[in-house]
Amino acid sequence: MTEQAAPAPHPSRVGDLFRHSPIERLEELRQKKPVQTGQMRVGINGKIGLLITAVVGTMWAAYVFAIIALVSLPSAIQSANLTVIIAWISSNFLQLVLLPIIIVGQNILGAASDKRSAETYKDAEAILQECLQLQAHLQAQDKILEDVLQHLHEAGAAA
């Protein structure tokens, strides 16, 4: 004959089975929203950099730089020197024109990232609210189960 473990004692209350532990991070989530790019704190150098980026990071700046670069194109071609022409293409045209275009693209990507961040926050907030409703539902069920246990206990004691 094999020995069997004694059955675990039944809890006298449903609340003895589980205790809800509030999560501190939830209160933090309720207090603050996700940080957006425009809300970043920067010093004076950061403000200057943001201003220059805002000015240079436009398609208008790319057009102006293209015109500036094209002013020196005739002299580069007249030199008939391949090194001078390649230097004009790489340093004058590509660097001057591509820089603002890249910044424009980065600004668009940053705005999309901010939008995704805000949407993810809203999703997390909705899931949190759903979980809180589930918790309230379970607590209501716990109350009913406690009432049933109390009734069974009283019926057993009366018998």
C-alpha atoms as a PDB file:
ATOM      1  CA  MET A   1       0.000   0.000   0.000  1.00  0.00           C
ATOM      2  CA  THR A   2       1.386   3.395  -0.969  1.00  0.00           C
ATOM      3  CA  GLU A   3       1.082   6.390   1.247  1.00  0.00           C
ATOM      4  CA  GLN A   4      -1.038   9.234  -0.048  1.00  0.00           C
ATOM      5  CA  ALA A   5      -0.475  12.822   0.892  1.00  0.00           C
ATOM      6  CA  ALA A   6      -3.133  14.338   3.068  1.00  0.00           C
ATOM      7  CA  PRO A   7      -5.450  16.654   1.149  1.00  0.00           C
ATOM      8  CA  ALA A   8      -4.702  20.322   1.544  1.00  0.00           C
ATOM      9  CA  PRO A   9      -7.028  22.017   4.029  1.00  0.00           C
ATOM     10  CA  HIS A  10      -9.832  24.018   2.456  1.00  0.00           C
ATOM     11  CA  PRO A  11      -9.557  27.728   2.985  1.00  0.00           C
ATOM     12  CA  SER A  12     -12.255  29.150   5.156  1.00  0.00           C
ATOM     13  CA  ARG A  13     -12.577  32.159   2.884  1.00  0.00           C
ATOM     14  CA  VAL A  14     -12.036  32.701  -0.834  1.00  0.00           C
ATOM     15  CA  GLY A  15      -9.911  35.710   0.049  1.00  0.00           C
ATOM     16  CA  ASP A  16      -7.431  33.330   1.681  1.00  0.00           C
ATOM     17  CA  LEU A  17      -6.608  31.894  -1.753  1.00  0.00           C
ATOM     18  CA  PHE A  18      -5.492  35.137  -3.349  1.00  0.00           C
ATOM     19  CA  ARG A  19      -4.463  38.567  -2.193  1.00  0.00           C
ATOM     20  CA  HIS A  20      -4.401  41.423  -4.692  1.00  0.00           C
ATOM     21  CA  SER A  21      -1.167  43.395  -4.646  1.00  0.00           C
ATOM     22  CA  PRO A  22      -1.461  46.869  -6.195  1.00  0.00           C
ATOM     23  CA  ILE A  23       1.307  47.655  -8.682  1.00  0.00           C
ATOM     24  CA  GLU A  24       3.099  50.968  -8.084  1.00  0.00           C
ATOM     25  CA  ARG A  25       3.746  51.534 -11.801  1.00  0.00           C
ATOM     26  CA  LEU A  26      -0.012  51.814 -12.422  1.00  0.00           C
ATOM     27  CA  GLU A  27      -0.213  55.035 -10.441  1.00  0.00           C
ATOM     28  CA  GLU A  28       2.752  56.416 -12.393  1.00  0.00           C
ATOM     29  CA  LEU A  29       0.944  55.583 -15.652  1.00  0.00           C
ATOM     30  CA  ARG A  30      -2.147  57.423 -14.458  1.00  0.00           C
ATOM     31  CA  GLN A  31      -0.137  60.534 -13.591  1.00  0.00           C
ATOM     32  CA  LYS A  32       1.923  61.043 -16.730  1.00  0.00           C
ATOM     33  CA  LYS A  33       1.599  60.571 -20.468  1.00  0.00           C
ATOM     34  CA  PRO A  34       4.350  59.398 -22.853  1.00  0.00           C
ATOM     35  CA  VAL A  35       7.043  61.950 -23.599  1.00  0.00           C
ATOM     36  CA  GLN A  36       6.891  63.392 -27.116  1.00  0.00           C
ATOM     37  CA  THR A  37       9.886  64.700 -29.042  1.00  0.00           C
ATOM     38  CA  GLY A  38       8.852  68.343 -28.555  1.00  0.00           C
ATOM     39  CA  GLN A  39       8.712  67.895 -24.776  1.00  0.00           C
ATOM     40  CA  MET A  40      12.355  66.929 -24.350  1.00  0.00           C
ATOM     41  CA  ARG A  41      14.294  69.234 -22.041  1.00  0.00           C
ATOM     42  CA  VAL A  42      17.458  70.561 -23.596  1.00  0.00           C
ATOM     43  CA  GLY A  43      19.955  73.211 -22.625  1.00  0.00           C
ATOM     44  CA  ILE A  44      20.926  76.272 -24.627  1.00  0.00           C
ATOM     45  CA  ASN A  45      23.067  74.230 -27.024  1.00  0.00           C
ATOM     46  CA  GLY A  46      20.162  71.856 -27.591  1.00  0.00           C
ATOM     47  CA  LYS A  47      17.823  74.785 -28.302  1.00  0.00           C
ATOM     48  CA  ILE A  48      20.283  76.241 -30.813  1.00  0.00           C
ATOM     49  CA  GLY A  49      20.637  72.822 -32.430  1.00  0.00           C
ATOM     50  CA  LEU A  50      16.864  72.405 -32.612  1.00  0.00           C
ATOM     51  CA  LEU A  51      16.489  75.848 -34.194  1.00  0.00           C
ATOM     52  CA  ILE A  52      19.144  75.146 -36.822  1.00  0.00           C
ATOM     53  CA  THR A  53      17.637  71.712 -37.490  1.00  0.00           C
ATOM     54  CA  ALA A  54      14.195  73.265 -37.901  1.00  0.00           C
ATOM     55  CA  VAL A  55      15.519  75.808 -40.397  1.00  0.00           C
ATOM     56  CA  VAL A  56      17.864  73.516 -42.339  1.00  0.00           C
ATOM     57  CA  GLY A  57      15.512  70.539 -42.191  1.00  0.00           C
ATOM     58  CA  THR A  58      13.090  71.829 -44.804  1.00  0.00           C
ATOM     59  CA  MET A  59      12.730  71.169 -48.495  1.00  0.00           C
ATOM     60  CA  TRP A  60      13.097  74.937 -49.059  1.00  0.00           C
ATOM     61  CA  ALA A  61      16.584  74.734 -47.568  1.00  0.00           C
ATOM     62  CA  ALA A  62      17.349  71.836 -49.930  1.00  0.00           C
ATOM     63  CA  TYR A  63      16.215  73.950 -52.901  1.00  0.00           C
ATOM     64  CA  VAL A  64      18.348  76.930 -51.787  1.00  0.00           C
ATOM     65  CA  PHE A  65      21.380  74.673 -51.266  1.00  0.00           C
ATOM     66  CA  ALA A  66      20.854  73.119 -54.713  1.00  0.00           C
ATOM     67  CA  ILE A  67      20.858  76.584 -56.286  1.00  0.00           C
ATOM     68  CA  ILE A  68      24.004  77.542 -54.350  1.00  0.00           C
ATOM     69  CA  ALA A  69      25.714  74.337 -55.471  1.00  0.00           C
ATOM     70  CA  LEU A  70      24.668  74.867 -59.090  1.00  0.00           C
ATOM     71  CA  VAL A  71      26.315  78.315 -59.103  1.00  0.00           C
ATOM     72  CA  SER A  72      29.741  76.662 -58.942  1.00  0.00           C
ATOM     73  CA  LEU A  73      28.922  73.872 -61.428  1.00  0.00           C
ATOM     74  CA  PRO A  74      29.997  75.780 -64.568  1.00  0.00           C
ATOM     75  CA  SER A  75      33.465  76.475 -63.181  1.00  0.00           C
ATOM     76  CA  ALA A  76      33.845  72.832 -62.163  1.00  0.00           C
ATOM     77  CA  ILE A  77      32.919  71.710 -65.672  1.00  0.00           C
ATOM     78  CA  GLN A  78      35.192  74.315 -67.315  1.00  0.00           C
ATOM     79  CA  SER A  79      38.133  73.018 -65.338  1.00  0.00           C
ATOM     80  CA  ALA A  80      37.820  69.737 -67.267  1.00  0.00           C
ATOM     81  CA  ASN A  81      39.439  68.114 -64.264  1.00  0.00           C
ATOM     82  CA  LEU A  82      37.698  64.900 -63.180  1.00  0.00           C
ATOM     83  CA  THR A  83      38.856  65.354 -59.584  1.00  0.00           C
ATOM     84  CA  VAL A  84      37.318  68.825 -59.424  1.00  0.00           C
ATOM     85  CA  ILE A  85      34.025  67.583 -60.886  1.00  0.00           C
ATOM     86  CA  ILE A  86      33.858  64.638 -58.445  1.00  0.00           C
ATOM     87  CA  ALA A  87      34.702  66.984 -55.568  1.00  0.00           C
ATOM     88  CA  TRP A  88      31.913  69.332 -56.693  1.00  0.00           C
ATOM     89  CA  ILE A  89      29.403  66.468 -56.845  1.00  0.00           C
ATOM     90  CA  SER A  90      30.374  65.020 -53.462  1.00  0.00           C
ATOM     91  CA  SER A  91      31.073  68.122 -51.401  1.00  0.00           C
ATOM     92  CA  ASN A  92      28.967  70.827 -52.975  1.00  0.00           C
ATOM     93  CA  PHE A  93      25.949  69.084 -54.337  1.00  0.00           C
ATOM     94  CA  LEU A  94      25.434  65.869 -52.347  1.00  0.00           C
ATOM     95  CA  GLN A  95      26.332  67.256 -48.948  1.00  0.00           C
ATOM     96  CA  LEU A  96      24.509  70.545 -49.329  1.00  0.00           C
ATOM     97  CA  VAL A  97      21.335  69.111 -50.845  1.00  0.00           C
ATOM     98  CA  LEU A  98      21.061  65.731 -49.148  1.00  0.00           C
ATOM     99  CA  LEU A  99      21.549  67.089 -45.612  1.00  0.00           C
ATOM    100  CA  PRO A 100      18.242  69.000 -45.472  1.00  0.00           C
ATOM    101  CA  ILE A 101      16.405  66.164 -47.236  1.00  0.00           C
ATOM    102  CA  ILE A 102      17.693  63.656 -44.677  1.00  0.00           C
ATOM    103  CA  ILE A 103      16.624  65.976 -41.842  1.00  0.00           C
ATOM    104  CA  VAL A 104      13.135  66.262 -43.378  1.00  0.00           C
ATOM    105  CA  GLY A 105      12.932  62.463 -43.457  1.00  0.00           C
ATOM    106  CA  GLN A 106      14.131  62.226 -39.852  1.00  0.00           C
ATOM    107  CA  ASN A 107      11.501  64.765 -38.767  1.00  0.00           C
ATOM    108  CA  ILE A 108       8.785  62.695 -40.439  1.00  0.00           C
ATOM    109  CA  LEU A 109      10.101  59.511 -38.813  1.00  0.00           C
ATOM    110  CA  GLY A 110      10.229  61.265 -35.422  1.00  0.00           C
ATOM    111  CA  ALA A 111       6.628  62.421 -35.754  1.00  0.00           C
ATOM    112  CA  ALA A 112       5.559  58.895 -36.712  1.00  0.00           C
ATOM    113  CA  SER A 113       7.441  57.537 -33.702  1.00  0.00           C
ATOM    114  CA  ASP A 114       5.678  60.032 -31.415  1.00  0.00           C
ATOM    115  CA  LYS A 115       2.332  58.981 -32.863  1.00  0.00           C
ATOM    116  CA  ARG A 116       3.126  55.279 -32.348  1.00  0.00           C
ATOM    117  CA  SER A 117       4.203  56.029 -28.785  1.00  0.00           C
ATOM    118  CA  ALA A 118       0.929  57.820 -28.034  1.00  0.00           C
ATOM    119  CA  GLU A 119      -1.121  55.009 -29.614  1.00  0.00           C
ATOM    120  CA  THR A 120       0.797  52.351 -27.665  1.00  0.00           C
ATOM    121  CA  TYR A 121       0.148  54.306 -24.468  1.00  0.00           C
ATOM    122  CA  LYS A 122      -3.584  54.453 -25.268  1.00  0.00           C
ATOM    123  CA  ASP A 123      -3.563  50.696 -25.944  1.00  0.00           C
ATOM    124  CA  ALA A 124      -1.854  50.006 -22.618  1.00  0.00           C
ATOM    125  CA  GLU A 125      -4.297  52.291 -20.847  1.00  0.00           C
ATOM    126  CA  ALA A 126      -7.266  50.436 -22.409  1.00  0.00           C
ATOM    127  CA  ILE A 127      -5.818  47.072 -21.379  1.00  0.00           C
ATOM    128  CA  LEU A 128      -5.296  48.410 -17.864  1.00  0.00           C
ATOM    129  CA  GLN A 129      -8.941  49.505 -17.661  1.00  0.00           C
ATOM    130  CA  GLU A 130     -10.055  46.098 -18.931  1.00  0.00           C
ATOM    131  CA  CYS A 131      -7.904  44.389 -16.288  1.00  0.00           C
ATOM    132  CA  LEU A 132      -9.350  46.612 -13.566  1.00  0.00           C
ATOM    133  CA  GLN A 133     -12.860  45.605 -14.683  1.00  0.00           C
ATOM    134  CA  LEU A 134     -11.829  41.945 -14.616  1.00  0.00           C
ATOM    135  CA  GLN A 135     -10.453  42.420 -11.116  1.00  0.00           C
ATOM    136  CA  ALA A 136     -13.737  43.987  -9.956  1.00  0.00           C
ATOM    137  CA  HIS A 137     -15.652  41.107 -11.558  1.00  0.00           C
ATOM    138  CA  LEU A 138     -13.480  38.553  -9.770  1.00  0.00           C
ATOM    139  CA  GLN A 139     -13.927  40.361  -6.463  1.00  0.00           C
ATOM    140  CA  ALA A 140     -17.698  40.213  -6.953  1.00  0.00           C
ATOM    141  CA  GLN A 141     -17.419  36.489  -7.628  1.00  0.00           C
ATOM    142  CA  ASP A 142     -15.259  36.083  -4.523  1.00  0.00           C
ATOM    143  CA  LYS A 143     -18.021  37.712  -2.466  1.00  0.00           C
ATOM    144  CA  ILE A 144     -20.611  35.308  -3.875  1.00  0.00           C
ATOM    145  CA  LEU A 145     -18.340  32.319  -3.212  1.00  0.00           C
ATOM    146  CA  GLU A 146     -17.752  33.517   0.345  1.00  0.00           C
ATOM    147  CA  ASP A 147     -21.530  33.767   0.831  1.00  0.00           C
ATOM    148  CA  VAL A 148     -21.969  30.208  -0.521  1.00  0.00           C
ATOM    149  CA  LEU A 149     -19.207  28.901   1.752  1.00  0.00           C
ATOM    150  CA  GLN A 150     -20.751  30.685   4.723  1.00  0.00           C
ATOM    151  CA  HIS A 151     -24.168  29.190   3.862  1.00  0.00           C
ATOM    152  CA  LEU A 152     -22.681  25.686   3.518  1.00  0.00           C
ATOM    153  CA  HIS A 153     -20.798  26.093   6.785  1.00  0.00           C
ATOM    154  CA  GLU A 154     -23.982  27.179   8.576  1.00  0.00           C
ATOM    155  CA  ALA A 155     -25.981  24.341   6.978  1.00  0.00           C
ATOM    156  CA  GLY A 156     -23.307  21.828   8.007  1.00  0.00           C
ATOM    157  CA  ALA A 157     -23.257  23.170  11.567  1.00  0.00           C
ATOM    158  CA  ALA A 158     -27.071  22.982  11.779  1.00  0.00           C
ATOM    159  CA  ALA A 159     -27.136  19.338  10.656  1.00  0.00           C
END
